[in-house]
Amino acid sequence: MVTLLMIALSFSISLVLITIAFWLPMPYLSSEKLSPYECGFDPQGTARLPFSSRFFLVAILFLLFDLEIALLLPLPWATNFTPPTPMMNWATIILIHLAAGLIYEWYQGGLEWAE
């Protein structure tokens, strides 16, 4: 019975709020208010804005390294195992893999922002 009362009360409150919102007068909408806000960019301008490919490369590298670091999150629970060496071996392999990827990107110049 209480559940039915709560459902009816929720439905009636929703209906009242929708009715009030429908009947309230709409504010004056100008062309400025109707145009979309694009984070400071002119929405009526050209769609082809210059984009730095270096920024894209650094963002992709951040995502890759961030996901690989997430593989190390179970490391604190390695102490719960009787012999924690298998987990430590996997963590060492992941860290070596991360370091090798970082060194490779460093030598390739992927981490240099300005040439």
PDB file of N, CA and C in Angstrom:
ATOM      1  N   MET A   1       0.823  -1.196   0.000  1.00  0.00           N
ATOM      2  CA  MET A   1       0.000   0.000   0.000  1.00  0.00           C
ATOM      3  C   MET A   1       0.867   1.260   0.000  1.00  0.00           C
ATOM      4  N   VAL A   2       1.936   1.216   0.785  1.00  0.00           N
ATOM      5  CA  VAL A   2       2.821   2.377   0.867  1.00  0.00           C
ATOM      6  C   VAL A   2       3.519   2.596  -0.474  1.00  0.00           C
ATOM      7  N   THR A   3       3.866   1.507  -1.145  1.00  0.00           N
ATOM      8  CA  THR A   3       4.538   1.618  -2.441  1.00  0.00           C
ATOM      9  C   THR A   3       3.618   2.268  -3.466  1.00  0.00           C
ATOM     10  N   LEU A   4       2.356   1.870  -3.474  1.00  0.00           N
ATOM     11  CA  LEU A   4       1.395   2.466  -4.396  1.00  0.00           C
ATOM     12  C   LEU A   4       1.206   3.950  -4.104  1.00  0.00           C
ATOM     13  N   LEU A   5       1.176   4.308  -2.832  1.00  0.00           N
ATOM     14  CA  LEU A   5       1.041   5.709  -2.447  1.00  0.00           C
ATOM     15  C   LEU A   5       2.244   6.519  -2.917  1.00  0.00           C
ATOM     16  N   MET A   6       3.456   5.963  -2.776  1.00  0.00           N
ATOM     17  CA  MET A   6       4.669   6.661  -3.209  1.00  0.00           C
ATOM     18  C   MET A   6       4.691   6.833  -4.729  1.00  0.00           C
ATOM     19  N   ILE A   7       4.263   5.815  -5.461  1.00  0.00           N
ATOM     20  CA  ILE A   7       4.221   5.912  -6.925  1.00  0.00           C
ATOM     21  C   ILE A   7       3.216   6.977  -7.351  1.00  0.00           C
ATOM     22  N   ALA A   8       2.040   6.985  -6.726  1.00  0.00           N
ATOM     23  CA  ALA A   8       1.015   7.978  -7.064  1.00  0.00           C
ATOM     24  C   ALA A   8       1.487   9.382  -6.719  1.00  0.00           C
ATOM     25  N   LEU A   9       2.134   9.534  -5.574  1.00  0.00           N
ATOM     26  CA  LEU A   9       2.637  10.841  -5.167  1.00  0.00           C
ATOM     27  C   LEU A   9       3.732  11.326  -6.118  1.00  0.00           C
ATOM     28  N   SER A  10       4.634  10.453  -6.501  1.00  0.00           N
ATOM     29  CA  SER A  10       5.703  10.825  -7.436  1.00  0.00           C
ATOM     30  C   SER A  10       5.131  11.220  -8.792  1.00  0.00           C
ATOM     31  N   PHE A  11       4.167  10.454  -9.263  1.00  0.00           N
ATOM     32  CA  PHE A  11       3.543  10.758 -10.550  1.00  0.00           C
ATOM     33  C   PHE A  11       2.816  12.097 -10.503  1.00  0.00           C
ATOM     34  N   SER A  12       2.093  12.358  -9.425  1.00  0.00           N
ATOM     35  CA  SER A  12       1.337  13.611  -9.340  1.00  0.00           C
ATOM     36  C   SER A  12       2.272  14.812  -9.210  1.00  0.00           C
ATOM     37  N   ILE A  13       3.340  14.681  -8.444  1.00  0.00           N
ATOM     38  CA  ILE A  13       4.300  15.789  -8.331  1.00  0.00           C
ATOM     39  C   ILE A  13       4.949  16.061  -9.685  1.00  0.00           C
ATOM     40  N   SER A  14       5.310  15.009 -10.402  1.00  0.00           N
ATOM     41  CA  SER A  14       5.899  15.185 -11.735  1.00  0.00           C
ATOM     42  C   SER A  14       4.920  15.860 -12.679  1.00  0.00           C
ATOM     43  N   LEU A  15       3.677  15.441 -12.644  1.00  0.00           N
ATOM     44  CA  LEU A  15       2.660  16.026 -13.510  1.00  0.00           C
ATOM     45  C   LEU A  15       2.438  17.501 -13.186  1.00  0.00           C
ATOM     46  N   VAL A  16       2.404  17.849 -11.909  1.00  0.00           N
ATOM     47  CA  VAL A  16       2.224  19.249 -11.508  1.00  0.00           C
ATOM     48  C   VAL A  16       3.412  20.090 -11.970  1.00  0.00           C
ATOM     49  N   LEU A  17       4.631  19.595 -11.802  1.00  0.00           N
ATOM     50  CA  LEU A  17       5.808  20.357 -12.214  1.00  0.00           C
ATOM     51  C   LEU A  17       5.870  20.537 -13.730  1.00  0.00           C
ATOM     52  N   ILE A  18       5.509  19.517 -14.476  1.00  0.00           N
ATOM     53  CA  ILE A  18       5.494  19.638 -15.937  1.00  0.00           C
ATOM     54  C   ILE A  18       4.438  20.647 -16.376  1.00  0.00           C
ATOM     55  N   THR A  19       3.273  20.623 -15.740  1.00  0.00           N
ATOM     56  CA  THR A  19       2.205  21.565 -16.081  1.00  0.00           C
ATOM     57  C   THR A  19       2.616  22.993 -15.759  1.00  0.00           C
ATOM     58  N   ILE A  20       3.230  23.208 -14.619  1.00  0.00           N
ATOM     59  CA  ILE A  20       3.684  24.552 -14.244  1.00  0.00           C
ATOM     60  C   ILE A  20       4.743  25.046 -15.223  1.00  0.00           C
ATOM     61  N   ALA A  21       5.682  24.196 -15.578  1.00  0.00           N
ATOM     62  CA  ALA A  21       6.730  24.598 -16.515  1.00  0.00           C
ATOM     63  C   ALA A  21       6.156  24.902 -17.896  1.00  0.00           C
ATOM     64  N   PHE A  22       5.108  24.218 -18.284  1.00  0.00           N
ATOM     65  CA  PHE A  22       4.494  24.456 -19.589  1.00  0.00           C
ATOM     66  C   PHE A  22       3.747  25.785 -19.619  1.00  0.00           C
ATOM     67  N   TRP A  23       3.095  26.143 -18.525  1.00  0.00           N
ATOM     68  CA  TRP A  23       2.269  27.346 -18.505  1.00  0.00           C
ATOM     69  C   TRP A  23       3.014  28.603 -18.098  1.00  0.00           C
ATOM     70  N   LEU A  24       4.209  28.472 -17.578  1.00  0.00           N
ATOM     71  CA  LEU A  24       4.975  29.673 -17.242  1.00  0.00           C
ATOM     72  C   LEU A  24       5.368  30.397 -18.525  1.00  0.00           C
ATOM     73  N   PRO A  25       5.408  31.735 -18.484  1.00  0.00           N
ATOM     74  CA  PRO A  25       5.768  32.462 -19.711  1.00  0.00           C
ATOM     75  C   PRO A  25       7.233  32.208 -20.089  1.00  0.00           C
ATOM     76  N   MET A  26       7.467  32.093 -21.394  1.00  0.00           N
ATOM     77  CA  MET A  26       8.822  31.883 -21.885  1.00  0.00           C
ATOM     78  C   MET A  26       9.559  33.220 -21.897  1.00  0.00           C
ATOM     79  N   PRO A  27      10.811  33.251 -21.505  1.00  0.00           N
ATOM     80  CA  PRO A  27      11.570  34.503 -21.554  1.00  0.00           C
ATOM     81  C   PRO A  27      11.878  34.884 -23.007  1.00  0.00           C
ATOM     82  N   TYR A  28      12.219  36.141 -23.192  1.00  0.00           N
ATOM     83  CA  TYR A  28      12.539  36.627 -24.530  1.00  0.00           C
ATOM     84  C   TYR A  28      13.832  35.967 -24.994  1.00  0.00           C
ATOM     85  N   LEU A  29      13.783  35.291 -26.127  1.00  0.00           N
ATOM     86  CA  LEU A  29      14.951  34.610 -26.668  1.00  0.00           C
ATOM     87  C   LEU A  29      15.504  35.399 -27.842  1.00  0.00           C
ATOM     88  N   SER A  30      16.716  35.881 -27.689  1.00  0.00           N
ATOM     89  CA  SER A  30      17.359  36.610 -28.778  1.00  0.00           C
ATOM     90  C   SER A  30      18.203  35.651 -29.606  1.00  0.00           C
ATOM     91  N   SER A  31      18.755  36.162 -30.684  1.00  0.00           N
ATOM     92  CA  SER A  31      19.595  35.307 -31.535  1.00  0.00           C
ATOM     93  C   SER A  31      20.869  34.892 -30.805  1.00  0.00           C
ATOM     94  N   GLU A  32      21.336  35.721 -29.883  1.00  0.00           N
ATOM     95  CA  GLU A  32      22.523  35.365 -29.098  1.00  0.00           C
ATOM     96  C   GLU A  32      22.241  34.175 -28.187  1.00  0.00           C
ATOM     97  N   LYS A  33      21.056  34.167 -27.599  1.00  0.00           N
ATOM     98  CA  LYS A  33      20.714  33.071 -26.699  1.00  0.00           C
ATOM     99  C   LYS A  33      20.400  31.782 -27.452  1.00  0.00           C
ATOM    100  N   LEU A  34      19.944  31.898 -28.679  1.00  0.00           N
ATOM    101  CA  LEU A  34      19.603  30.716 -29.457  1.00  0.00           C
ATOM    102  C   LEU A  34      20.810  30.089 -30.149  1.00  0.00           C
ATOM    103  N   SER A  35      21.916  30.840 -30.266  1.00  0.00           N
ATOM    104  CA  SER A  35      23.103  30.274 -30.920  1.00  0.00           C
ATOM    105  C   SER A  35      23.868  29.420 -29.911  1.00  0.00           C
ATOM    106  N   PRO A  36      24.415  28.299 -30.355  1.00  0.00           N
ATOM    107  CA  PRO A  36      25.117  27.405 -29.426  1.00  0.00           C
ATOM    108  C   PRO A  36      26.431  28.013 -28.964  1.00  0.00           C
ATOM    109  N   TYR A  37      26.780  27.734 -27.724  1.00  0.00           N
ATOM    110  CA  TYR A  37      28.048  28.197 -27.172  1.00  0.00           C
ATOM    111  C   TYR A  37      29.077  27.103 -27.382  1.00  0.00           C
ATOM    112  N   GLU A  38      30.141  27.409 -28.088  1.00  0.00           N
ATOM    113  CA  GLU A  38      31.144  26.414 -28.456  1.00  0.00           C
ATOM    114  C   GLU A  38      32.471  26.677 -27.754  1.00  0.00           C
ATOM    115  N   CYS A  39      32.457  26.872 -26.468  1.00  0.00           N
ATOM    116  CA  CYS A  39      33.682  27.026 -25.671  1.00  0.00           C
ATOM    117  C   CYS A  39      34.556  28.166 -26.174  1.00  0.00           C
ATOM    118  N   GLY A  40      33.975  29.263 -26.544  1.00  0.00           N
ATOM    119  CA  GLY A  40      34.752  30.406 -26.977  1.00  0.00           C
ATOM    120  C   GLY A  40      34.988  30.473 -28.470  1.00  0.00           C
ATOM    121  N   PHE A  41      34.677  29.425 -29.214  1.00  0.00           N
ATOM    122  CA  PHE A  41      34.856  29.445 -30.660  1.00  0.00           C
ATOM    123  C   PHE A  41      33.616  30.031 -31.317  1.00  0.00           C
ATOM    124  N   ASP A  42      33.803  30.645 -32.447  1.00  0.00           N
ATOM    125  CA  ASP A  42      32.692  31.208 -33.201  1.00  0.00           C
ATOM    126  C   ASP A  42      31.952  30.084 -33.912  1.00  0.00           C
ATOM    127  N   PRO A  43      30.687  29.806 -33.548  1.00  0.00           N
ATOM    128  CA  PRO A  43      29.987  28.678 -34.169  1.00  0.00           C
ATOM    129  C   PRO A  43      29.614  28.939 -35.630  1.00  0.00           C
ATOM    130  N   GLN A  44      29.542  30.201 -36.040  1.00  0.00           N
ATOM    131  CA  GLN A  44      29.195  30.497 -37.425  1.00  0.00           C
ATOM    132  C   GLN A  44      30.432  30.573 -38.317  1.00  0.00           C
ATOM    133  N   GLY A  45      31.615  30.438 -37.743  1.00  0.00           N
ATOM    134  CA  GLY A  45      32.851  30.513 -38.519  1.00  0.00           C
ATOM    135  C   GLY A  45      33.114  29.230 -39.275  1.00  0.00           C
ATOM    136  N   THR A  46      34.316  29.109 -39.766  1.00  0.00           N
ATOM    137  CA  THR A  46      34.695  27.933 -40.540  1.00  0.00           C
ATOM    138  C   THR A  46      34.812  26.705 -39.638  1.00  0.00           C
ATOM    139  N   ALA A  47      34.504  25.563 -40.192  1.00  0.00           N
ATOM    140  CA  ALA A  47      34.572  24.322 -39.419  1.00  0.00           C
ATOM    141  C   ALA A  47      35.984  23.763 -39.383  1.00  0.00           C
ATOM    142  N   ARG A  48      36.852  24.248 -40.236  1.00  0.00           N
ATOM    143  CA  ARG A  48      38.226  23.749 -40.321  1.00  0.00           C
ATOM    144  C   ARG A  48      39.143  24.627 -39.481  1.00  0.00           C
ATOM    145  N   LEU A  49      39.286  24.278 -38.217  1.00  0.00           N
ATOM    146  CA  LEU A  49      40.178  25.014 -37.334  1.00  0.00           C
ATOM    147  C   LEU A  49      41.526  24.324 -37.302  1.00  0.00           C
ATOM    148  N   PRO A  50      42.602  25.081 -37.179  1.00  0.00           N
ATOM    149  CA  PRO A  50      43.917  24.435 -37.097  1.00  0.00           C
ATOM    150  C   PRO A  50      44.020  23.601 -35.827  1.00  0.00           C
ATOM    151  N   PHE A  51      44.596  22.422 -35.976  1.00  0.00           N
ATOM    152  CA  PHE A  51      44.709  21.499 -34.853  1.00  0.00           C
ATOM    153  C   PHE A  51      46.131  20.971 -34.802  1.00  0.00           C
ATOM    154  N   SER A  52      46.723  21.002 -33.645  1.00  0.00           N
ATOM    155  CA  SER A  52      48.098  20.548 -33.484  1.00  0.00           C
ATOM    156  C   SER A  52      48.131  19.027 -33.403  1.00  0.00           C
ATOM    157  N   SER A  53      48.835  18.410 -34.339  1.00  0.00           N
ATOM    158  CA  SER A  53      48.952  16.949 -34.302  1.00  0.00           C
ATOM    159  C   SER A  53      49.839  16.507 -33.143  1.00  0.00           C
ATOM    160  N   ARG A  54      50.729  17.383 -32.684  1.00  0.00           N
ATOM    161  CA  ARG A  54      51.555  17.069 -31.514  1.00  0.00           C
ATOM    162  C   ARG A  54      50.680  16.895 -30.277  1.00  0.00           C
ATOM    163  N   PHE A  55      49.697  17.778 -30.154  1.00  0.00           N
ATOM    164  CA  PHE A  55      48.783  17.673 -29.019  1.00  0.00           C
ATOM    165  C   PHE A  55      48.042  16.343 -29.054  1.00  0.00           C
ATOM    166  N   PHE A  56      47.600  15.934 -30.229  1.00  0.00           N
ATOM    167  CA  PHE A  56      46.904  14.661 -30.379  1.00  0.00           C
ATOM    168  C   PHE A  56      47.819  13.501 -30.004  1.00  0.00           C
ATOM    169  N   LEU A  57      49.079  13.539 -30.435  1.00  0.00           N
ATOM    170  CA  LEU A  57      50.032  12.478 -30.133  1.00  0.00           C
ATOM    171  C   LEU A  57      50.294  12.384 -28.628  1.00  0.00           C
ATOM    172  N   VAL A  58      50.468  13.528 -27.981  1.00  0.00           N
ATOM    173  CA  VAL A  58      50.706  13.521 -26.532  1.00  0.00           C
ATOM    174  C   VAL A  58      49.472  13.007 -25.793  1.00  0.00           C
ATOM    175  N   ALA A  59      48.282  13.355 -26.263  1.00  0.00           N
ATOM    176  CA  ALA A  59      47.055  12.868 -25.619  1.00  0.00           C
ATOM    177  C   ALA A  59      46.929  11.353 -25.757  1.00  0.00           C
ATOM    178  N   ILE A  60      47.248  10.810 -26.927  1.00  0.00           N
ATOM    179  CA  ILE A  60      47.185   9.361 -27.126  1.00  0.00           C
ATOM    180  C   ILE A  60      48.231   8.661 -26.268  1.00  0.00           C
ATOM    181  N   LEU A  61      49.431   9.239 -26.193  1.00  0.00           N
ATOM    182  CA  LEU A  61      50.474   8.640 -25.350  1.00  0.00           C
ATOM    183  C   LEU A  61      50.055   8.643 -23.884  1.00  0.00           C
ATOM    184  N   PHE A  62      49.436   9.731 -23.444  1.00  0.00           N
ATOM    185  CA  PHE A  62      48.964   9.788 -22.062  1.00  0.00           C
ATOM    186  C   PHE A  62      47.946   8.686 -21.795  1.00  0.00           C
ATOM    187  N   LEU A  63      47.005   8.498 -22.723  1.00  0.00           N
ATOM    188  CA  LEU A  63      46.003   7.447 -22.532  1.00  0.00           C
ATOM    189  C   LEU A  63      46.640   6.062 -22.480  1.00  0.00           C
ATOM    190  N   LEU A  64      47.589   5.804 -23.366  1.00  0.00           N
ATOM    191  CA  LEU A  64      48.234   4.493 -23.375  1.00  0.00           C
ATOM    192  C   LEU A  64      48.989   4.228 -22.077  1.00  0.00           C
ATOM    193  N   PHE A  65      49.805   5.190 -21.649  1.00  0.00           N
ATOM    194  CA  PHE A  65      50.578   4.983 -20.430  1.00  0.00           C
ATOM    195  C   PHE A  65      49.678   4.953 -19.196  1.00  0.00           C
ATOM    196  N   ASP A  66      48.603   5.724 -19.222  1.00  0.00           N
ATOM    197  CA  ASP A  66      47.680   5.725 -18.094  1.00  0.00           C
ATOM    198  C   ASP A  66      46.978   4.377 -17.961  1.00  0.00           C
ATOM    199  N   LEU A  67      46.589   3.785 -19.076  1.00  0.00           N
ATOM    200  CA  LEU A  67      45.956   2.464 -19.021  1.00  0.00           C
ATOM    201  C   LEU A  67      46.939   1.389 -18.580  1.00  0.00           C
ATOM    202  N   GLU A  68      48.198   1.527 -18.976  1.00  0.00           N
ATOM    203  CA  GLU A  68      49.184   0.537 -18.546  1.00  0.00           C
ATOM    204  C   GLU A  68      49.495   0.678 -17.056  1.00  0.00           C
ATOM    205  N   ILE A  69      49.466   1.891 -16.545  1.00  0.00           N
ATOM    206  CA  ILE A  69      49.669   2.091 -15.105  1.00  0.00           C
ATOM    207  C   ILE A  69      48.515   1.467 -14.327  1.00  0.00           C
ATOM    208  N   ALA A  70      47.316   1.459 -14.910  1.00  0.00           N
ATOM    209  CA  ALA A  70      46.161   0.851 -14.234  1.00  0.00           C
ATOM    210  C   ALA A  70      46.365  -0.644 -14.016  1.00  0.00           C
ATOM    211  N   LEU A  71      47.245  -1.259 -14.795  1.00  0.00           N
ATOM    212  CA  LEU A  71      47.538  -2.676 -14.582  1.00  0.00           C
ATOM    213  C   LEU A  71      48.286  -2.914 -13.274  1.00  0.00           C
ATOM    214  N   LEU A  72      48.888  -1.867 -12.720  1.00  0.00           N
ATOM    215  CA  LEU A  72      49.626  -2.011 -11.462  1.00  0.00           C
ATOM    216  C   LEU A  72      48.738  -1.841 -10.229  1.00  0.00           C
ATOM    217  N   LEU A  73      47.470  -1.528 -10.416  1.00  0.00           N
ATOM    218  CA  LEU A  73      46.592  -1.305  -9.264  1.00  0.00           C
ATOM    219  C   LEU A  73      46.432  -2.519  -8.352  1.00  0.00           C
ATOM    220  N   PRO A  74      46.423  -3.750  -8.852  1.00  0.00           N
ATOM    221  CA  PRO A  74      46.298  -4.893  -7.935  1.00  0.00           C
ATOM    222  C   PRO A  74      47.571  -5.185  -7.142  1.00  0.00           C
ATOM    223  N   LEU A  75      48.614  -4.422  -7.329  1.00  0.00           N
ATOM    224  CA  LEU A  75      49.889  -4.697  -6.669  1.00  0.00           C
ATOM    225  C   LEU A  75      49.806  -4.710  -5.137  1.00  0.00           C
ATOM    226  N   PRO A  76      49.062  -3.826  -4.472  1.00  0.00           N
ATOM    227  CA  PRO A  76      49.001  -3.902  -3.003  1.00  0.00           C
ATOM    228  C   PRO A  76      48.393  -5.198  -2.476  1.00  0.00           C
ATOM    229  N   TRP A  77      47.547  -5.847  -3.268  1.00  0.00           N
ATOM    230  CA  TRP A  77      46.946  -7.101  -2.814  1.00  0.00           C
ATOM    231  C   TRP A  77      47.882  -8.294  -3.011  1.00  0.00           C
ATOM    232  N   ALA A  78      49.052  -8.046  -3.565  1.00  0.00           N
ATOM    233  CA  ALA A  78      50.011  -9.137  -3.777  1.00  0.00           C
ATOM    234  C   ALA A  78      50.531  -9.678  -2.454  1.00  0.00           C
ATOM    235  N   THR A  79      50.468  -8.879  -1.414  1.00  0.00           N
ATOM    236  CA  THR A  79      50.941  -9.350  -0.107  1.00  0.00           C
ATOM    237  C   THR A  79      49.989 -10.375   0.498  1.00  0.00           C
ATOM    238  N   ASN A  80      48.756 -10.463  -0.007  1.00  0.00           N
ATOM    239  CA  ASN A  80      47.805 -11.445   0.507  1.00  0.00           C
ATOM    240  C   ASN A  80      48.108 -12.852   0.024  1.00  0.00           C
ATOM    241  N   PHE A  81      48.837 -12.959  -1.076  1.00  0.00           N
ATOM    242  CA  PHE A  81      49.204 -14.279  -1.574  1.00  0.00           C
ATOM    243  C   PHE A  81      50.282 -14.875  -0.686  1.00  0.00           C
ATOM    244  N   THR A  82      50.302 -16.192  -0.615  1.00  0.00           N
ATOM    245  CA  THR A  82      51.320 -16.847   0.209  1.00  0.00           C
ATOM    246  C   THR A  82      52.716 -16.570  -0.342  1.00  0.00           C
ATOM    247  N   PRO A  83      52.992 -16.919  -1.605  1.00  0.00           N
ATOM    248  CA  PRO A  83      54.248 -16.420  -2.180  1.00  0.00           C
ATOM    249  C   PRO A  83      53.938 -15.222  -3.090  1.00  0.00           C
ATOM    250  N   PRO A  84      54.304 -14.011  -2.715  1.00  0.00           N
ATOM    251  CA  PRO A  84      53.965 -12.841  -3.540  1.00  0.00           C
ATOM    252  C   PRO A  84      54.860 -12.685  -4.766  1.00  0.00           C
ATOM    253  N   THR A  85      55.774 -13.612  -5.005  1.00  0.00           N
ATOM    254  CA  THR A  85      56.710 -13.449  -6.122  1.00  0.00           C
ATOM    255  C   THR A  85      56.054 -13.452  -7.500  1.00  0.00           C
ATOM    256  N   PRO A  86      55.017 -14.254  -7.801  1.00  0.00           N
ATOM    257  CA  PRO A  86      54.438 -14.167  -9.157  1.00  0.00           C
ATOM    258  C   PRO A  86      53.867 -12.784  -9.465  1.00  0.00           C
ATOM    259  N   MET A  87      53.197 -12.194  -8.481  1.00  0.00           N
ATOM    260  CA  MET A  87      52.635 -10.856  -8.705  1.00  0.00           C
ATOM    261  C   MET A  87      53.743  -9.828  -8.859  1.00  0.00           C
ATOM    262  N   MET A  88      54.792  -9.960  -8.079  1.00  0.00           N
ATOM    263  CA  MET A  88      55.917  -9.030  -8.189  1.00  0.00           C
ATOM    264  C   MET A  88      56.621  -9.195  -9.533  1.00  0.00           C
ATOM    265  N   ASN A  89      56.697 -10.428 -10.028  1.00  0.00           N
ATOM    266  CA  ASN A  89      57.303 -10.649 -11.342  1.00  0.00           C
ATOM    267  C   ASN A  89      56.481  -9.970 -12.436  1.00  0.00           C
ATOM    268  N   TRP A  90      55.156 -10.111 -12.365  1.00  0.00           N
ATOM    269  CA  TRP A  90      54.309  -9.451 -13.355  1.00  0.00           C
ATOM    270  C   TRP A  90      54.422  -7.929 -13.256  1.00  0.00           C
ATOM    271  N   ALA A  91      54.483  -7.400 -12.044  1.00  0.00           N
ATOM    272  CA  ALA A  91      54.625  -5.953 -11.872  1.00  0.00           C
ATOM    273  C   ALA A  91      55.953  -5.471 -12.445  1.00  0.00           C
ATOM    274  N   THR A  92      57.013  -6.255 -12.258  1.00  0.00           N
ATOM    275  CA  THR A  92      58.316  -5.890 -12.812  1.00  0.00           C
ATOM    276  C   THR A  92      58.273  -5.905 -14.337  1.00  0.00           C
ATOM    277  N   ILE A  93      57.612  -6.902 -14.911  1.00  0.00           N
ATOM    278  CA  ILE A  93      57.488  -6.970 -16.371  1.00  0.00           C
ATOM    279  C   ILE A  93      56.713  -5.761 -16.901  1.00  0.00           C
ATOM    280  N   ILE A  94      55.642  -5.381 -16.211  1.00  0.00           N
ATOM    281  CA  ILE A  94      54.851  -4.223 -16.645  1.00  0.00           C
ATOM    282  C   ILE A  94      55.679  -2.949 -16.547  1.00  0.00           C
ATOM    283  N   LEU A  95      56.435  -2.785 -15.462  1.00  0.00           N
ATOM    284  CA  LEU A  95      57.263  -1.586 -15.309  1.00  0.00           C
ATOM    285  C   LEU A  95      58.367  -1.531 -16.358  1.00  0.00           C
ATOM    286  N   ILE A  96      58.972  -2.669 -16.686  1.00  0.00           N
ATOM    287  CA  ILE A  96      59.997  -2.695 -17.733  1.00  0.00           C
ATOM    288  C   ILE A  96      59.369  -2.330 -19.079  1.00  0.00           C
ATOM    289  N   HIS A  97      58.178  -2.840 -19.328  1.00  0.00           N
ATOM    290  CA  HIS A  97      57.464  -2.516 -20.569  1.00  0.00           C
ATOM    291  C   HIS A  97      57.161  -1.016 -20.643  1.00  0.00           C
ATOM    292  N   LEU A  98      56.715  -0.428 -19.533  1.00  0.00           N
ATOM    293  CA  LEU A  98      56.438   1.008 -19.496  1.00  0.00           C
ATOM    294  C   LEU A  98      57.703   1.820 -19.728  1.00  0.00           C
ATOM    295  N   ALA A  99      58.795   1.427 -19.074  1.00  0.00           N
ATOM    296  CA  ALA A  99      60.056   2.153 -19.236  1.00  0.00           C
ATOM    297  C   ALA A  99      60.563   2.046 -20.671  1.00  0.00           C
ATOM    298  N   ALA A 100      60.444   0.870 -21.276  1.00  0.00           N
ATOM    299  CA  ALA A 100      60.887   0.702 -22.666  1.00  0.00           C
ATOM    300  C   ALA A 100      60.048   1.567 -23.610  1.00  0.00           C
ATOM    301  N   GLY A 101      58.740   1.636 -23.376  1.00  0.00           N
ATOM    302  CA  GLY A 101      57.884   2.490 -24.199  1.00  0.00           C
ATOM    303  C   GLY A 101      58.209   3.957 -24.035  1.00  0.00           C
ATOM    304  N   LEU A 102      58.498   4.370 -22.808  1.00  0.00           N
ATOM    305  CA  LEU A 102      58.857   5.764 -22.556  1.00  0.00           C
ATOM    306  C   LEU A 102      60.179   6.112 -23.222  1.00  0.00           C
ATOM    307  N   ILE A 103      61.170   5.228 -23.129  1.00  0.00           N
ATOM    308  CA  ILE A 103      62.469   5.475 -23.763  1.00  0.00           C
ATOM    309  C   ILE A 103      62.315   5.533 -25.280  1.00  0.00           C
ATOM    310  N   TYR A 104      61.520   4.638 -25.841  1.00  0.00           N
ATOM    311  CA  TYR A 104      61.289   4.637 -27.289  1.00  0.00           C
ATOM    312  C   TYR A 104      60.653   5.951 -27.745  1.00  0.00           C
ATOM    313  N   GLU A 105      59.628   6.406 -27.039  1.00  0.00           N
ATOM    314  CA  GLU A 105      58.977   7.662 -27.410  1.00  0.00           C
ATOM    315  C   GLU A 105      59.914   8.848 -27.236  1.00  0.00           C
ATOM    316  N   TRP A 106      60.764   8.793 -26.245  1.00  0.00           N
ATOM    317  CA  TRP A 106      61.729   9.861 -26.016  1.00  0.00           C
ATOM    318  C   TRP A 106      62.705   9.946 -27.185  1.00  0.00           C
ATOM    319  N   TYR A 107      63.227   8.805 -27.623  1.00  0.00           N
ATOM    320  CA  TYR A 107      64.177   8.798 -28.737  1.00  0.00           C
ATOM    321  C   TYR A 107      63.508   9.144 -30.068  1.00  0.00           C
ATOM    322  N   GLN A 108      62.256   8.819 -30.223  1.00  0.00           N
ATOM    323  CA  GLN A 108      61.541   9.145 -31.458  1.00  0.00           C
ATOM    324  C   GLN A 108      61.112  10.613 -31.509  1.00  0.00           C
ATOM    325  N   GLY A 109      61.196  11.310 -30.376  1.00  0.00           N
ATOM    326  CA  GLY A 109      60.816  12.720 -30.331  1.00  0.00           C
ATOM    327  C   GLY A 109      59.338  12.936 -30.103  1.00  0.00           C
ATOM    328  N   GLY A 110      58.640  11.923 -29.645  1.00  0.00           N
ATOM    329  CA  GLY A 110      57.208  12.064 -29.408  1.00  0.00           C
ATOM    330  C   GLY A 110      56.879  12.901 -28.191  1.00  0.00           C
ATOM    331  N   LEU A 111      57.847  13.089 -27.315  1.00  0.00           N
ATOM    332  CA  LEU A 111      57.603  13.866 -26.102  1.00  0.00           C
ATOM    333  C   LEU A 111      58.051  15.320 -26.246  1.00  0.00           C
ATOM    334  N   GLU A 112      58.668  15.660 -27.373  1.00  0.00           N
ATOM    335  CA  GLU A 112      59.103  17.037 -27.611  1.00  0.00           C
ATOM    336  C   GLU A 112      57.913  17.855 -28.085  1.00  0.00           C
ATOM    337  N   TRP A 113      57.622  18.928 -27.383  1.00  0.00           N
ATOM    338  CA  TRP A 113      56.474  19.738 -27.755  1.00  0.00           C
ATOM    339  C   TRP A 113      56.823  20.690 -28.897  1.00  0.00           C
ATOM    340  N   ALA A 114      57.947  21.365 -28.797  1.00  0.00           N
ATOM    341  CA  ALA A 114      58.366  22.304 -29.846  1.00  0.00           C
ATOM    342  C   ALA A 114      59.601  21.757 -30.539  1.00  0.00           C
ATOM    343  N   GLU A 115      59.662  21.976 -31.851  1.00  0.00           N
ATOM    344  CA  GLU A 115      60.810  21.469 -32.611  1.00  0.00           C
ATOM    345  C   GLU A 115      61.925  22.483 -32.655  1.00  0.00           C
TER     346      GLU A 115
END
